[in-house]
PDB file of N, CA and C in Angstrom:
ATOM      1  N   UNK A   1      48.324 -90.291  34.350  1.00  0.00           N
ATOM      2  CA  UNK A   1      47.810 -89.011  34.145  1.00  0.00           C
ATOM      3  C   UNK A   1      48.439 -87.916  34.715  1.00  0.00           C
ATOM      4  N   UNK A   2      48.732 -86.782  33.958  1.00  0.00           N
ATOM      5  CA  UNK A   2      49.526 -85.728  34.500  1.00  0.00           C
ATOM      6  C   UNK A   2      48.518 -84.869  35.446  1.00  0.00           C
ATOM      7  N   UNK A   3      49.071 -84.444  36.471  1.00  0.00           N
ATOM      8  CA  UNK A   3      48.394 -83.395  37.291  1.00  0.00           C
ATOM      9  C   UNK A   3      48.240 -82.165  36.745  1.00  0.00           C
ATOM     10  N   UNK A   4      47.097 -81.346  36.905  1.00  0.00           N
ATOM     11  CA  UNK A   4      47.196 -79.925  36.419  1.00  0.00           C
ATOM     12  C   UNK A   4      47.833 -78.992  37.696  1.00  0.00           C
ATOM     13  N   UNK A   5      49.103 -78.616  37.286  1.00  0.00           N
ATOM     14  CA  UNK A   5      49.723 -78.002  38.413  1.00  0.00           C
ATOM     15  C   UNK A   5      49.896 -76.511  38.082  1.00  0.00           C
ATOM     16  N   UNK A   6      49.171 -76.105  36.966  1.00  0.00           N
ATOM     17  CA  UNK A   6      49.167 -74.544  36.514  1.00  0.00           C
ATOM     18  C   UNK A   6      48.307 -73.783  37.107  1.00  0.00           C
ATOM     19  N   UNK A   7      47.679 -74.027  38.441  1.00  0.00           N
ATOM     20  CA  UNK A   7      46.867 -73.172  39.121  1.00  0.00           C
ATOM     21  C   UNK A   7      45.390 -73.027  38.544  1.00  0.00           C
ATOM     22  N   UNK A   8      45.116 -74.110  37.755  1.00  0.00           N
ATOM     23  CA  UNK A   8      43.701 -74.146  37.208  1.00  0.00           C
ATOM     24  C   UNK A   8      42.797 -74.489  38.359  1.00  0.00           C
ATOM     25  N   UNK A   9      41.476 -74.448  37.990  1.00  0.00           N
ATOM     26  CA  UNK A   9      40.481 -74.720  38.991  1.00  0.00           C
ATOM     27  C   UNK A   9      40.506 -76.392  39.181  1.00  0.00           C
ATOM     28  N   UNK A  10      40.839 -76.643  39.981  1.00  0.00           N
ATOM     29  CA  UNK A  10      40.642 -78.236  40.529  1.00  0.00           C
ATOM     30  C   UNK A  10      40.226 -78.509  41.905  1.00  0.00           C
ATOM     31  N   UNK A  11      38.962 -77.743  42.139  1.00  0.00           N
ATOM     32  CA  UNK A  11      38.330 -77.832  43.448  1.00  0.00           C
ATOM     33  C   UNK A  11      37.792 -79.202  43.669  1.00  0.00           C
ATOM     34  N   UNK A  12      37.619 -80.067  42.751  1.00  0.00           N
ATOM     35  CA  UNK A  12      37.127 -81.415  42.971  1.00  0.00           C
ATOM     36  C   UNK A  12      38.324 -82.275  42.971  1.00  0.00           C
ATOM     37  N   UNK A  13      39.443 -82.109  42.695  1.00  0.00           N
ATOM     38  CA  UNK A  13      40.594 -82.663  42.956  1.00  0.00           C
ATOM     39  C   UNK A  13      40.913 -83.688  41.892  1.00  0.00           C
ATOM     40  N   UNK A  14      40.281 -83.379  40.728  1.00  0.00           N
ATOM     41  CA  UNK A  14      40.602 -84.359  39.633  1.00  0.00           C
ATOM     42  C   UNK A  14      40.783 -83.641  38.316  1.00  0.00           C
ATOM     43  N   UNK A  15      41.608 -84.086  37.524  1.00  0.00           N
ATOM     44  CA  UNK A  15      41.940 -83.426  36.243  1.00  0.00           C
ATOM     45  C   UNK A  15      41.344 -84.248  35.003  1.00  0.00           C
ATOM     46  N   UNK A  16      40.397 -83.741  34.497  1.00  0.00           N
ATOM     47  CA  UNK A  16      39.774 -84.323  33.339  1.00  0.00           C
ATOM     48  C   UNK A  16      40.337 -84.503  32.086  1.00  0.00           C
ATOM     49  N   UNK A  17      40.878 -83.387  31.676  1.00  0.00           N
ATOM     50  CA  UNK A  17      41.716 -83.449  30.475  1.00  0.00           C
ATOM     51  C   UNK A  17      40.857 -83.236  29.276  1.00  0.00           C
ATOM     52  N   UNK A  18      39.634 -83.632  29.147  1.00  0.00           N
ATOM     53  CA  UNK A  18      38.898 -83.480  27.892  1.00  0.00           C
ATOM     54  C   UNK A  18      37.654 -82.828  28.227  1.00  0.00           C
ATOM     55  N   UNK A  19      37.044 -82.004  27.070  1.00  0.00           N
ATOM     56  CA  UNK A  19      35.796 -81.249  27.034  1.00  0.00           C
ATOM     57  C   UNK A  19      34.552 -82.145  27.181  1.00  0.00           C
ATOM     58  N   UNK A  20      34.763 -83.368  26.804  1.00  0.00           N
ATOM     59  CA  UNK A  20      33.634 -84.342  26.766  1.00  0.00           C
ATOM     60  C   UNK A  20      33.426 -84.898  28.180  1.00  0.00           C
ATOM     61  N   UNK A  21      34.340 -85.048  28.928  1.00  0.00           N
ATOM     62  CA  UNK A  21      34.424 -85.596  30.475  1.00  0.00           C
ATOM     63  C   UNK A  21      33.911 -84.276  31.152  1.00  0.00           C
ATOM     64  N   UNK A  22      34.176 -83.094  31.092  1.00  0.00           N
ATOM     65  CA  UNK A  22      33.863 -82.084  31.649  1.00  0.00           C
ATOM     66  C   UNK A  22      32.247 -81.771  31.461  1.00  0.00           C
ATOM     67  N   UNK A  23      31.966 -81.928  30.321  1.00  0.00           N
ATOM     68  CA  UNK A  23      30.635 -81.638  29.947  1.00  0.00           C
ATOM     69  C   UNK A  23      29.864 -82.872  30.619  1.00  0.00           C
ATOM     70  N   UNK A  24      30.237 -84.070  30.736  1.00  0.00           N
ATOM     71  CA  UNK A  24      29.622 -85.198  31.362  1.00  0.00           C
ATOM     72  C   UNK A  24      29.371 -84.988  32.640  1.00  0.00           C
ATOM     73  N   UNK A  25      30.448 -84.552  33.333  1.00  0.00           N
ATOM     74  CA  UNK A  25      30.234 -84.378  34.773  1.00  0.00           C
ATOM     75  C   UNK A  25      29.568 -83.423  35.195  1.00  0.00           C
ATOM     76  N   UNK A  26      29.306 -82.165  34.277  1.00  0.00           N
ATOM     77  CA  UNK A  26      28.567 -81.081  34.541  1.00  0.00           C
ATOM     78  C   UNK A  26      27.012 -81.265  34.383  1.00  0.00           C
ATOM     79  N   UNK A  27      26.662 -82.286  33.718  1.00  0.00           N
ATOM     80  CA  UNK A  27      25.340 -82.904  33.894  1.00  0.00           C
ATOM     81  C   UNK A  27      24.760 -83.326  35.039  1.00  0.00           C
ATOM     82  N   UNK A  28      23.319 -83.060  35.033  1.00  0.00           N
ATOM     83  CA  UNK A  28      22.584 -83.559  36.172  1.00  0.00           C
ATOM     84  C   UNK A  28      22.429 -85.071  36.242  1.00  0.00           C
ATOM     85  N   UNK A  29      22.554 -85.752  37.436  1.00  0.00           N
ATOM     86  CA  UNK A  29      22.570 -87.252  37.158  1.00  0.00           C
ATOM     87  C   UNK A  29      21.217 -87.746  36.395  1.00  0.00           C
ATOM     88  N   UNK A  30      20.249 -87.000  36.426  1.00  0.00           N
ATOM     89  CA  UNK A  30      19.103 -87.664  35.528  1.00  0.00           C
ATOM     90  C   UNK A  30      19.388 -87.640  34.065  1.00  0.00           C
ATOM     91  N   UNK A  31      20.002 -86.641  33.754  1.00  0.00           N
ATOM     92  CA  UNK A  31      20.391 -86.426  32.458  1.00  0.00           C
ATOM     93  C   UNK A  31      21.435 -87.532  31.965  1.00  0.00           C
ATOM     94  N   UNK A  32      22.352 -87.673  33.087  1.00  0.00           N
ATOM     95  CA  UNK A  32      23.337 -88.700  32.686  1.00  0.00           C
ATOM     96  C   UNK A  32      22.864 -90.076  32.599  1.00  0.00           C
ATOM     97  N   UNK A  33      21.761 -90.327  33.338  1.00  0.00           N
ATOM     98  CA  UNK A  33      21.167 -91.636  33.317  1.00  0.00           C
ATOM     99  C   UNK A  33      20.395 -91.836  31.986  1.00  0.00           C
ATOM    100  N   UNK A  34      19.836 -90.738  31.611  1.00  0.00           N
ATOM    101  CA  UNK A  34      18.905 -90.834  30.133  1.00  0.00           C
ATOM    102  C   UNK A  34      20.002 -91.096  29.150  1.00  0.00           C
ATOM    103  N   UNK A  35      21.016 -90.351  29.137  1.00  0.00           N
ATOM    104  CA  UNK A  35      22.026 -90.432  28.037  1.00  0.00           C
ATOM    105  C   UNK A  35      22.526 -91.962  28.038  1.00  0.00           C
ATOM    106  N   UNK A  36      22.838 -92.325  29.232  1.00  0.00           N
ATOM    107  CA  UNK A  36      23.524 -93.870  29.364  1.00  0.00           C
ATOM    108  C   UNK A  36      22.519 -94.906  28.953  1.00  0.00           C
ATOM    109  N   UNK A  37      21.176 -94.501  29.327  1.00  0.00           N
ATOM    110  CA  UNK A  37      20.160 -95.576  28.865  1.00  0.00           C
ATOM    111  C   UNK A  37      19.864 -95.759  27.262  1.00  0.00           C
ATOM    112  N   UNK A  38      19.971 -94.398  26.697  1.00  0.00           N
ATOM    113  CA  UNK A  38      19.757 -94.447  25.437  1.00  0.00           C
ATOM    114  C   UNK A  38      20.967 -94.830  24.541  1.00  0.00           C
ATOM    115  N   UNK A  39      22.160 -94.585  25.057  1.00  0.00           N
ATOM    116  CA  UNK A  39      23.289 -95.423  24.644  1.00  0.00           C
ATOM    117  C   UNK A  39      23.183 -96.755  24.481  1.00  0.00           C
ATOM    118  N   UNK A  40      22.766 -97.486  25.751  1.00  0.00           N
ATOM    119  CA  UNK A  40      22.560 -99.097  25.800  1.00  0.00           C
ATOM    120  C   UNK A  40      21.572 -99.339  24.768  1.00  0.00           C
ATOM    121  N   UNK A  41      20.402 -98.682  24.590  1.00  0.00           N
ATOM    122  CA  UNK A  41      19.438 -99.181  23.753  1.00  0.00           C
ATOM    123  C   UNK A  41      19.926 -99.167  22.264  1.00  0.00           C
ATOM    124  N   UNK A  42      20.818 -98.010  22.026  1.00  0.00           N
ATOM    125  CA  UNK A  42      21.238 -97.935  20.624  1.00  0.00           C
ATOM    126  C   UNK A  42      22.252 -98.921  20.246  1.00  0.00           C
ATOM    127  N   UNK A  43      23.040 -99.387  21.156  1.00  0.00           N
ATOM    128  CA  UNK A  43      24.063-100.254  21.065  1.00  0.00           C
ATOM    129  C   UNK A  43      23.359-101.785  20.903  1.00  0.00           C
ATOM    130  N   UNK A  44      22.310-101.855  21.730  1.00  0.00           N
ATOM    131  CA  UNK A  44      21.463-103.114  21.581  1.00  0.00           C
ATOM    132  C   UNK A  44      20.771-103.255  20.237  1.00  0.00           C
ATOM    133  N   UNK A  45      20.200-102.071  19.535  1.00  0.00           N
ATOM    134  CA  UNK A  45      19.625-102.163  18.354  1.00  0.00           C
ATOM    135  C   UNK A  45      20.644-102.487  17.203  1.00  0.00           C
ATOM    136  N   UNK A  46      21.787-101.954  17.401  1.00  0.00           N
ATOM    137  CA  UNK A  46      22.864-102.079  16.303  1.00  0.00           C
ATOM    138  C   UNK A  46      23.128-103.586  16.430  1.00  0.00           C
ATOM    139  N   UNK A  47      23.292-104.206  17.586  1.00  0.00           N
ATOM    140  CA  UNK A  47      23.629-105.609  17.865  1.00  0.00           C
ATOM    141  C   UNK A  47      22.645-106.338  17.200  1.00  0.00           C
ATOM    142  N   UNK A  48      21.389-106.065  17.149  1.00  0.00           N
ATOM    143  CA  UNK A  48      20.210-106.762  16.789  1.00  0.00           C
ATOM    144  C   UNK A  48      20.200-106.850  15.194  1.00  0.00           C
ATOM    145  N   UNK A  49      20.626-105.531  14.550  1.00  0.00           N
ATOM    146  CA  UNK A  49      20.671-105.281  13.244  1.00  0.00           C
ATOM    147  C   UNK A  49      21.674-106.122  12.771  1.00  0.00           C
ATOM    148  N   UNK A  50      22.781-106.360  13.348  1.00  0.00           N
ATOM    149  CA  UNK A  50      23.854-107.277  12.934  1.00  0.00           C
ATOM    150  C   UNK A  50      23.505-108.743  13.096  1.00  0.00           C
TER     151      UNK A  50
END
């Protein structure tokens, strides 16, 4: 992973690199848990359908 040395905001000390990761980390933990739970349920339903 390349470090973000261009003077960008890295107050948390990690370079995410993608907008998806930035949006995920910006979410409240409750919303993260809900999204993760819905994803697990969706994967389970797809597995059951196959």
